Amino acid sequence: MDMKIFIADDSTSDSSQICRQLNNWAERKSAHLKMDCFQELSYDRIAEACSYDIVFLDIELPYINGMEFAKLVRQHNERIPIAFFTSHRELAVSGYDVQAMSYLVKPCKQVDIDNCMDRLYKNKMQQKAPQIMIQTTQIDCYEISQIIYIEAVGHYTDLYTVDHCIAYHLPFKDIDKLLPRPPFFNCYRSYTVNMDYVCGVNNQEILLSHNKKIPLSKVYANDFKNTLLQLHKGVQL
């Protein structure tokens, strides 16, 4: 398994030790790690951090401290694992605000690094949820199962999840090509829908969960119905 690790610590000796400990864990798991170390944080690294498998942050950093950076990361990605290390055990309590998966007290022990990475490894093996990443001035990560449909609206593309609608100043085709077939289907010239959310269909429209309706092109109607039946193993909806 390949993993990308983001490490922020202003102490080069501490970050070097953590890298050695991570490599020790990786050897035992036959995992390949790509580790990037930073001595300070900046706002332009927030989107970059979201592309990693785990983010390790020293709470006490100059300019932007680890806790502030973690809160900003959480605004862009609610699921990325975050782990803190600190020389002061009492600071670990503040990590609950960002649902941190681990709090490591310096100097970090090998067993603590192992326990943290074992939890990450187990979660990745269980989930393996396919994702897409949309890059504008930042990078947004979405699990495929989160996306209900996308719609072209003028020069924008609206992306609908269960909880939100996010408007991207990107061509429809640029986001559409990221969505795997199936479960996604381009049902109308300006709509692509996740068929896992389809509750019903006729020759003109598709009924989604939460009673949302979107148009279905007559040109695509038969192909849509056949693909839907195949996806659900022939069960009539």
C-alpha atoms as a PDB file:
ATOM      1  CA  MET A   1       0.000   0.000   0.000  1.00  0.00           C
ATOM      2  CA  ASP A   2       1.225   3.491  -0.896  1.00  0.00           C
ATOM      3  CA  MET A   3       0.665   6.377   1.504  1.00  0.00           C
ATOM      4  CA  LYS A   4       1.467  10.084   1.398  1.00  0.00           C
ATOM      5  CA  ILE A   5       2.432  11.574   4.754  1.00  0.00           C
ATOM      6  CA  PHE A   6       2.397  15.302   5.584  1.00  0.00           C
ATOM      7  CA  ILE A   7       4.640  16.224   8.536  1.00  0.00           C
ATOM      8  CA  ALA A   8       4.931  19.730   9.995  1.00  0.00           C
ATOM      9  CA  ASP A   9       7.486  20.267  12.767  1.00  0.00           C
ATOM     10  CA  ASP A  10       9.893  23.149  13.246  1.00  0.00           C
ATOM     11  CA  SER A  11      12.437  20.800  14.819  1.00  0.00           C
ATOM     12  CA  THR A  12      14.428  18.963  12.135  1.00  0.00           C
ATOM     13  CA  SER A  13      15.695  16.451  14.697  1.00  0.00           C
ATOM     14  CA  ASP A  14      12.141  15.611  15.796  1.00  0.00           C
ATOM     15  CA  SER A  15      10.851  15.281  12.224  1.00  0.00           C
ATOM     16  CA  SER A  16      13.836  13.090  11.297  1.00  0.00           C
ATOM     17  CA  GLN A  17      13.077  10.807  14.235  1.00  0.00           C
ATOM     18  CA  ILE A  18       9.415  10.567  13.249  1.00  0.00           C
ATOM     19  CA  CYS A  19      10.378   9.729   9.651  1.00  0.00           C
ATOM     20  CA  ARG A  20      12.627   6.917  10.909  1.00  0.00           C
ATOM     21  CA  GLN A  21       9.821   5.574  13.065  1.00  0.00           C
ATOM     22  CA  LEU A  22       7.365   5.750  10.194  1.00  0.00           C
ATOM     23  CA  ASN A  23       9.822   3.878   7.971  1.00  0.00           C
ATOM     24  CA  ASN A  24      10.197   1.221  10.676  1.00  0.00           C
ATOM     25  CA  TRP A  25       6.433   0.747  10.666  1.00  0.00           C
ATOM     26  CA  ALA A  26       6.305   0.697   6.846  1.00  0.00           C
ATOM     27  CA  GLU A  27       8.938  -2.046   6.626  1.00  0.00           C
ATOM     28  CA  ARG A  28       6.885  -4.302   8.872  1.00  0.00           C
ATOM     29  CA  LYS A  29       3.722  -3.636   6.854  1.00  0.00           C
ATOM     30  CA  SER A  30       5.423  -3.767   3.437  1.00  0.00           C
ATOM     31  CA  ALA A  31       4.006  -0.295   2.816  1.00  0.00           C
ATOM     32  CA  HIS A  32       5.576   2.452   0.728  1.00  0.00           C
ATOM     33  CA  LEU A  33       5.546   5.918   2.286  1.00  0.00           C
ATOM     34  CA  LYS A  34       6.144   9.263   0.608  1.00  0.00           C
ATOM     35  CA  MET A  35       6.881  11.723   3.408  1.00  0.00           C
ATOM     36  CA  ASP A  36       7.028  15.489   2.992  1.00  0.00           C
ATOM     37  CA  CYS A  37       8.351  17.539   5.935  1.00  0.00           C
ATOM     38  CA  PHE A  38       7.712  21.227   6.560  1.00  0.00           C
ATOM     39  CA  GLN A  39       9.243  23.442   9.243  1.00  0.00           C
ATOM     40  CA  GLU A  40       6.461  26.023   9.034  1.00  0.00           C
ATOM     41  CA  LEU A  41       2.933  26.235   7.700  1.00  0.00           C
ATOM     42  CA  SER A  42       1.251  28.727   5.394  1.00  0.00           C
ATOM     43  CA  TYR A  43      -2.266  29.238   4.074  1.00  0.00           C
ATOM     44  CA  ASP A  44      -1.306  28.066   0.597  1.00  0.00           C
ATOM     45  CA  ARG A  45      -0.484  24.608   2.009  1.00  0.00           C
ATOM     46  CA  ILE A  46      -4.041  23.956   3.199  1.00  0.00           C
ATOM     47  CA  ALA A  47      -5.298  22.561  -0.114  1.00  0.00           C
ATOM     48  CA  GLU A  48      -2.053  20.644  -0.568  1.00  0.00           C
ATOM     49  CA  ALA A  49      -2.431  18.981   2.837  1.00  0.00           C
ATOM     50  CA  CYS A  50      -5.873  17.671   1.837  1.00  0.00           C
ATOM     51  CA  SER A  51      -4.277  15.439  -0.817  1.00  0.00           C
ATOM     52  CA  TYR A  52      -2.335  13.399   1.772  1.00  0.00           C
ATOM     53  CA  ASP A  53      -3.401  10.212   3.536  1.00  0.00           C
ATOM     54  CA  ILE A  54      -2.564  11.619   6.972  1.00  0.00           C
ATOM     55  CA  VAL A  55      -1.400  14.970   8.333  1.00  0.00           C
ATOM     56  CA  PHE A  56       1.006  15.063  11.301  1.00  0.00           C
ATOM     57  CA  LEU A  57       1.161  18.485  12.965  1.00  0.00           C
ATOM     58  CA  ASP A  58       3.218  19.886  15.785  1.00  0.00           C
ATOM     59  CA  ILE A  59       0.761  21.998  17.777  1.00  0.00           C
ATOM     60  CA  GLU A  60       3.396  24.634  18.547  1.00  0.00           C
ATOM     61  CA  LEU A  61       4.600  26.104  15.264  1.00  0.00           C
ATOM     62  CA  PRO A  62       5.537  29.659  14.239  1.00  0.00           C
ATOM     63  CA  TYR A  63       3.262  31.795  12.011  1.00  0.00           C
ATOM     64  CA  ILE A  64       0.336  29.343  11.818  1.00  0.00           C
ATOM     65  CA  ASN A  65       0.252  26.831  14.672  1.00  0.00           C
ATOM     66  CA  GLY A  66      -0.767  23.239  14.119  1.00  0.00           C
ATOM     67  CA  MET A  67      -4.208  23.607  15.716  1.00  0.00           C
ATOM     68  CA  GLU A  68      -5.183  26.609  13.599  1.00  0.00           C
ATOM     69  CA  PHE A  69      -3.946  24.857  10.454  1.00  0.00           C
ATOM     70  CA  ALA A  70      -5.931  21.723  11.338  1.00  0.00           C
ATOM     71  CA  LYS A  71      -9.146  23.735  11.690  1.00  0.00           C
ATOM     72  CA  LEU A  72      -8.603  25.235   8.232  1.00  0.00           C
ATOM     73  CA  VAL A  73      -7.918  21.790   6.760  1.00  0.00           C
ATOM     74  CA  ARG A  74     -11.162  20.533   8.324  1.00  0.00           C
ATOM     75  CA  GLN A  75     -13.113  23.226   6.476  1.00  0.00           C
ATOM     76  CA  HIS A  76     -11.987  21.642   3.197  1.00  0.00           C
ATOM     77  CA  ASN A  77     -11.879  17.974   4.136  1.00  0.00           C
ATOM     78  CA  GLU A  78     -13.856  16.518   7.030  1.00  0.00           C
ATOM     79  CA  ARG A  79     -12.384  13.026   6.759  1.00  0.00           C
ATOM     80  CA  ILE A  80      -8.628  13.349   6.388  1.00  0.00           C
ATOM     81  CA  PRO A  81      -6.836  11.844   9.424  1.00  0.00           C
ATOM     82  CA  ILE A  82      -4.968  14.402  11.525  1.00  0.00           C
ATOM     83  CA  ALA A  83      -2.467  13.546  14.264  1.00  0.00           C
ATOM     84  CA  PHE A  84      -0.813  16.008  16.634  1.00  0.00           C
ATOM     85  CA  PHE A  85       2.456  15.838  18.480  1.00  0.00           C
ATOM     86  CA  THR A  86       3.457  18.175  21.253  1.00  0.00           C
ATOM     87  CA  SER A  87       5.882  18.494  24.136  1.00  0.00           C
ATOM     88  CA  HIS A  88       3.013  19.490  26.436  1.00  0.00           C
ATOM     89  CA  ARG A  89       0.454  16.794  27.169  1.00  0.00           C
ATOM     90  CA  GLU A  90      -2.207  19.305  28.280  1.00  0.00           C
ATOM     91  CA  LEU A  91      -2.362  20.817  24.761  1.00  0.00           C
ATOM     92  CA  ALA A  92      -3.642  17.537  23.340  1.00  0.00           C
ATOM     93  CA  VAL A  93      -7.113  18.215  24.755  1.00  0.00           C
ATOM     94  CA  SER A  94      -7.686  21.030  22.244  1.00  0.00           C
ATOM     95  CA  GLY A  95      -7.385  18.506  19.402  1.00  0.00           C
ATOM     96  CA  TYR A  96     -10.927  17.287  20.004  1.00  0.00           C
ATOM     97  CA  ASP A  97     -12.165  20.350  18.104  1.00  0.00           C
ATOM     98  CA  VAL A  98     -10.860  18.879  14.847  1.00  0.00           C
ATOM     99  CA  GLN A  99     -11.522  15.168  15.577  1.00  0.00           C
ATOM    100  CA  ALA A 100      -7.839  14.274  15.632  1.00  0.00           C
ATOM    101  CA  MET A 101      -7.127  10.548  15.449  1.00  0.00           C
ATOM    102  CA  SER A 102      -3.993  10.651  17.645  1.00  0.00           C
ATOM    103  CA  TYR A 103      -2.100  12.840  20.114  1.00  0.00           C
ATOM    104  CA  LEU A 104       1.578  11.957  20.388  1.00  0.00           C
ATOM    105  CA  VAL A 105       3.675  13.347  23.210  1.00  0.00           C
ATOM    106  CA  LYS A 106       7.290  14.143  22.346  1.00  0.00           C
ATOM    107  CA  PRO A 107       9.653  12.469  22.237  1.00  0.00           C
ATOM    108  CA  CYS A 108       7.442  10.114  20.254  1.00  0.00           C
ATOM    109  CA  LYS A 109       7.729   6.431  21.070  1.00  0.00           C
ATOM    110  CA  GLN A 110       7.816   3.832  18.309  1.00  0.00           C
ATOM    111  CA  VAL A 111       4.810   2.060  19.805  1.00  0.00           C
ATOM    112  CA  ASP A 112       2.751   5.283  19.630  1.00  0.00           C
ATOM    113  CA  ILE A 113       3.642   5.825  15.966  1.00  0.00           C
ATOM    114  CA  ASP A 114       2.841   2.156  15.270  1.00  0.00           C
ATOM    115  CA  ASN A 115      -0.568   2.396  16.959  1.00  0.00           C
ATOM    116  CA  CYS A 116      -1.450   5.547  15.025  1.00  0.00           C
ATOM    117  CA  MET A 117      -0.417   4.097  11.673  1.00  0.00           C
ATOM    118  CA  ASP A 118      -2.096   0.754  12.400  1.00  0.00           C
ATOM    119  CA  ARG A 119      -5.419   2.569  12.849  1.00  0.00           C
ATOM    120  CA  LEU A 120      -4.876   4.463   9.603  1.00  0.00           C
ATOM    121  CA  TYR A 121      -3.902   1.274   7.759  1.00  0.00           C
ATOM    122  CA  LYS A 122      -6.954  -0.584   9.077  1.00  0.00           C
ATOM    123  CA  ASN A 123      -9.303   2.250   8.081  1.00  0.00           C
ATOM    124  CA  LYS A 124      -7.847   2.452   4.576  1.00  0.00           C
ATOM    125  CA  MET A 125      -8.170  -1.296   4.098  1.00  0.00           C
ATOM    126  CA  GLN A 126     -11.793  -1.251   5.269  1.00  0.00           C
ATOM    127  CA  GLN A 127     -12.920   1.815   3.378  1.00  0.00           C
ATOM    128  CA  LYS A 128     -10.967   2.083   0.135  1.00  0.00           C
ATOM    129  CA  ALA A 129     -13.668   4.506  -0.927  1.00  0.00           C
ATOM    130  CA  PRO A 130     -13.000   5.839  -4.435  1.00  0.00           C
ATOM    131  CA  GLN A 131     -12.556   9.597  -4.538  1.00  0.00           C
ATOM    132  CA  ILE A 132     -12.269  12.444  -6.971  1.00  0.00           C
ATOM    133  CA  MET A 133     -10.358  15.671  -6.433  1.00  0.00           C
ATOM    134  CA  ILE A 134     -11.483  18.978  -7.917  1.00  0.00           C
ATOM    135  CA  GLN A 135      -8.822  21.678  -8.126  1.00  0.00           C
ATOM    136  CA  THR A 136      -9.523  25.389  -8.411  1.00  0.00           C
ATOM    137  CA  THR A 137      -7.741  27.772  -6.029  1.00  0.00           C
ATOM    138  CA  GLN A 138      -7.929  24.863  -3.597  1.00  0.00           C
ATOM    139  CA  ILE A 139      -8.350  21.108  -3.809  1.00  0.00           C
ATOM    140  CA  ASP A 140     -11.665  19.570  -2.727  1.00  0.00           C
ATOM    141  CA  CYS A 141     -11.907  15.814  -2.179  1.00  0.00           C
ATOM    142  CA  TYR A 142     -15.174  13.904  -2.567  1.00  0.00           C
ATOM    143  CA  GLU A 143     -15.959  10.253  -2.115  1.00  0.00           C
ATOM    144  CA  ILE A 144     -17.869   9.020  -5.143  1.00  0.00           C
ATOM    145  CA  SER A 145     -20.725   7.891  -2.894  1.00  0.00           C
ATOM    146  CA  GLN A 146     -21.152  11.474  -1.606  1.00  0.00           C
ATOM    147  CA  ILE A 147     -22.076  12.926  -4.999  1.00  0.00           C
ATOM    148  CA  ILE A 148     -25.727  12.784  -6.090  1.00  0.00           C
ATOM    149  CA  TYR A 149     -25.473  14.668  -9.388  1.00  0.00           C
ATOM    150  CA  ILE A 150     -23.814  17.559 -11.193  1.00  0.00           C
ATOM    151  CA  GLU A 151     -25.517  20.239 -13.268  1.00  0.00           C
ATOM    152  CA  ALA A 152     -24.202  22.770 -15.762  1.00  0.00           C
ATOM    153  CA  VAL A 153     -25.429  26.272 -14.923  1.00  0.00           C
ATOM    154  CA  GLY A 154     -24.040  28.883 -17.294  1.00  0.00           C
ATOM    155  CA  HIS A 155     -20.268  29.006 -16.890  1.00  0.00           C
ATOM    156  CA  TYR A 156     -20.505  27.100 -13.603  1.00  0.00           C
ATOM    157  CA  THR A 157     -20.987  23.463 -12.630  1.00  0.00           C
ATOM    158  CA  ASP A 158     -23.056  22.779  -9.520  1.00  0.00           C
ATOM    159  CA  LEU A 159     -22.094  19.662  -7.578  1.00  0.00           C
ATOM    160  CA  TYR A 160     -24.793  18.255  -5.289  1.00  0.00           C
ATOM    161  CA  THR A 161     -24.037  16.110  -2.264  1.00  0.00           C
ATOM    162  CA  VAL A 162     -26.465  14.895   0.383  1.00  0.00           C
ATOM    163  CA  ASP A 163     -25.912  18.045   2.438  1.00  0.00           C
ATOM    164  CA  HIS A 164     -24.593  20.732   0.111  1.00  0.00           C
ATOM    165  CA  CYS A 165     -24.537  22.286  -3.336  1.00  0.00           C
ATOM    166  CA  ILE A 166     -21.105  23.554  -4.376  1.00  0.00           C
ATOM    167  CA  ALA A 167     -20.738  25.787  -7.433  1.00  0.00           C
ATOM    168  CA  TYR A 168     -17.471  25.442  -9.362  1.00  0.00           C
ATOM    169  CA  HIS A 169     -16.329  27.926 -11.974  1.00  0.00           C
ATOM    170  CA  LEU A 170     -15.321  25.038 -14.219  1.00  0.00           C
ATOM    171  CA  PRO A 171     -16.735  23.581 -17.441  1.00  0.00           C
ATOM    172  CA  PHE A 172     -19.239  20.772 -16.940  1.00  0.00           C
ATOM    173  CA  LYS A 173     -17.112  18.378 -18.995  1.00  0.00           C
ATOM    174  CA  ASP A 174     -14.076  18.872 -16.716  1.00  0.00           C
ATOM    175  CA  ILE A 175     -15.939  17.550 -13.684  1.00  0.00           C
ATOM    176  CA  ASP A 176     -18.052  15.065 -15.629  1.00  0.00           C
ATOM    177  CA  LYS A 177     -14.957  13.222 -16.906  1.00  0.00           C
ATOM    178  CA  LEU A 178     -13.862  12.568 -13.302  1.00  0.00           C
ATOM    179  CA  LEU A 179     -17.033  10.600 -12.518  1.00  0.00           C
ATOM    180  CA  PRO A 180     -16.855   6.828 -13.165  1.00  0.00           C
ATOM    181  CA  ARG A 181     -19.379   5.002 -15.341  1.00  0.00           C
ATOM    182  CA  PRO A 182     -21.242   3.382 -13.667  1.00  0.00           C
ATOM    183  CA  PRO A 183     -22.631   4.495 -11.240  1.00  0.00           C
ATOM    184  CA  PHE A 184     -22.740   7.869 -13.019  1.00  0.00           C
ATOM    185  CA  PHE A 185     -24.755   8.453 -16.177  1.00  0.00           C
ATOM    186  CA  ASN A 186     -24.982  11.554 -18.388  1.00  0.00           C
ATOM    187  CA  CYS A 187     -28.794  11.631 -18.489  1.00  0.00           C
ATOM    188  CA  TYR A 188     -29.207  15.053 -20.107  1.00  0.00           C
ATOM    189  CA  ARG A 189     -26.859  17.461 -21.841  1.00  0.00           C
ATOM    190  CA  SER A 190     -26.362  19.420 -18.624  1.00  0.00           C
ATOM    191  CA  TYR A 191     -26.863  16.680 -16.019  1.00  0.00           C
ATOM    192  CA  THR A 192     -24.907  13.653 -14.835  1.00  0.00           C
ATOM    193  CA  VAL A 193     -26.481  11.598 -12.067  1.00  0.00           C
ATOM    194  CA  ASN A 194     -25.300   8.981  -9.572  1.00  0.00           C
ATOM    195  CA  MET A 195     -27.589   6.030 -10.278  1.00  0.00           C
ATOM    196  CA  ASP A 196     -27.257   4.778  -6.704  1.00  0.00           C
ATOM    197  CA  TYR A 197     -29.557   7.651  -5.684  1.00  0.00           C
ATOM    198  CA  VAL A 198     -32.271   6.911  -8.268  1.00  0.00           C
ATOM    199  CA  CYS A 199     -35.668   6.022  -6.791  1.00  0.00           C
ATOM    200  CA  GLY A 200     -37.692   5.984 -10.009  1.00  0.00           C
ATOM    201  CA  VAL A 201     -37.644   6.892 -13.693  1.00  0.00           C
ATOM    202  CA  ASN A 202     -39.973   7.528 -16.616  1.00  0.00           C
ATOM    203  CA  ASN A 203     -39.305   8.691 -20.164  1.00  0.00           C
ATOM    204  CA  GLN A 204     -38.874  12.327 -19.200  1.00  0.00           C
ATOM    205  CA  GLU A 205     -37.428  12.587 -15.703  1.00  0.00           C
ATOM    206  CA  ILE A 206     -35.552  10.824 -12.929  1.00  0.00           C
ATOM    207  CA  LEU A 207     -36.744  10.763  -9.324  1.00  0.00           C
ATOM    208  CA  LEU A 208     -33.952  10.935  -6.776  1.00  0.00           C
ATOM    209  CA  SER A 209     -33.970  10.511  -3.028  1.00  0.00           C
ATOM    210  CA  HIS A 210     -35.439  13.485  -1.123  1.00  0.00           C
ATOM    211  CA  ASN A 211     -38.032  13.794  -3.962  1.00  0.00           C
ATOM    212  CA  LYS A 212     -35.637  15.702  -6.209  1.00  0.00           C
ATOM    213  CA  LYS A 213     -36.386  15.384  -9.941  1.00  0.00           C
ATOM    214  CA  ILE A 214     -33.975  15.934 -12.837  1.00  0.00           C
ATOM    215  CA  PRO A 215     -34.655  15.693 -16.601  1.00  0.00           C
ATOM    216  CA  LEU A 216     -33.959  12.610 -18.691  1.00  0.00           C
ATOM    217  CA  SER A 217     -33.300  13.018 -22.407  1.00  0.00           C
ATOM    218  CA  LYS A 218     -35.464  10.829 -24.643  1.00  0.00           C
ATOM    219  CA  VAL A 219     -32.304   9.997 -26.577  1.00  0.00           C
ATOM    220  CA  TYR A 220     -30.741   8.435 -23.464  1.00  0.00           C
ATOM    221  CA  ALA A 221     -33.891   7.029 -21.821  1.00  0.00           C
ATOM    222  CA  ASN A 222     -33.553   3.389 -22.943  1.00  0.00           C
ATOM    223  CA  ASP A 223     -29.825   3.230 -22.263  1.00  0.00           C
ATOM    224  CA  PHE A 224     -30.376   4.773 -18.836  1.00  0.00           C
ATOM    225  CA  LYS A 225     -33.046   2.240 -17.876  1.00  0.00           C
ATOM    226  CA  ASN A 226     -30.984  -0.711 -19.111  1.00  0.00           C
ATOM    227  CA  THR A 227     -27.881   0.481 -17.268  1.00  0.00           C
ATOM    228  CA  LEU A 228     -29.912   1.045 -14.119  1.00  0.00           C
ATOM    229  CA  LEU A 229     -31.312  -2.499 -14.263  1.00  0.00           C
ATOM    230  CA  GLN A 230     -27.849  -3.973 -14.829  1.00  0.00           C
ATOM    231  CA  LEU A 231     -26.415  -1.948 -11.972  1.00  0.00           C
ATOM    232  CA  HIS A 232     -29.064  -3.259  -9.607  1.00  0.00           C
ATOM    233  CA  LYS A 233     -28.901  -6.799 -11.001  1.00  0.00           C
ATOM    234  CA  GLY A 234     -32.228  -6.633 -12.792  1.00  0.00           C
ATOM    235  CA  VAL A 235     -34.305  -5.611  -9.799  1.00  0.00           C
ATOM    236  CA  GLN A 236     -37.176  -3.321 -10.765  1.00  0.00           C
ATOM    237  CA  LEU A 237     -37.147  -0.068  -8.794  1.00  0.00           C
END
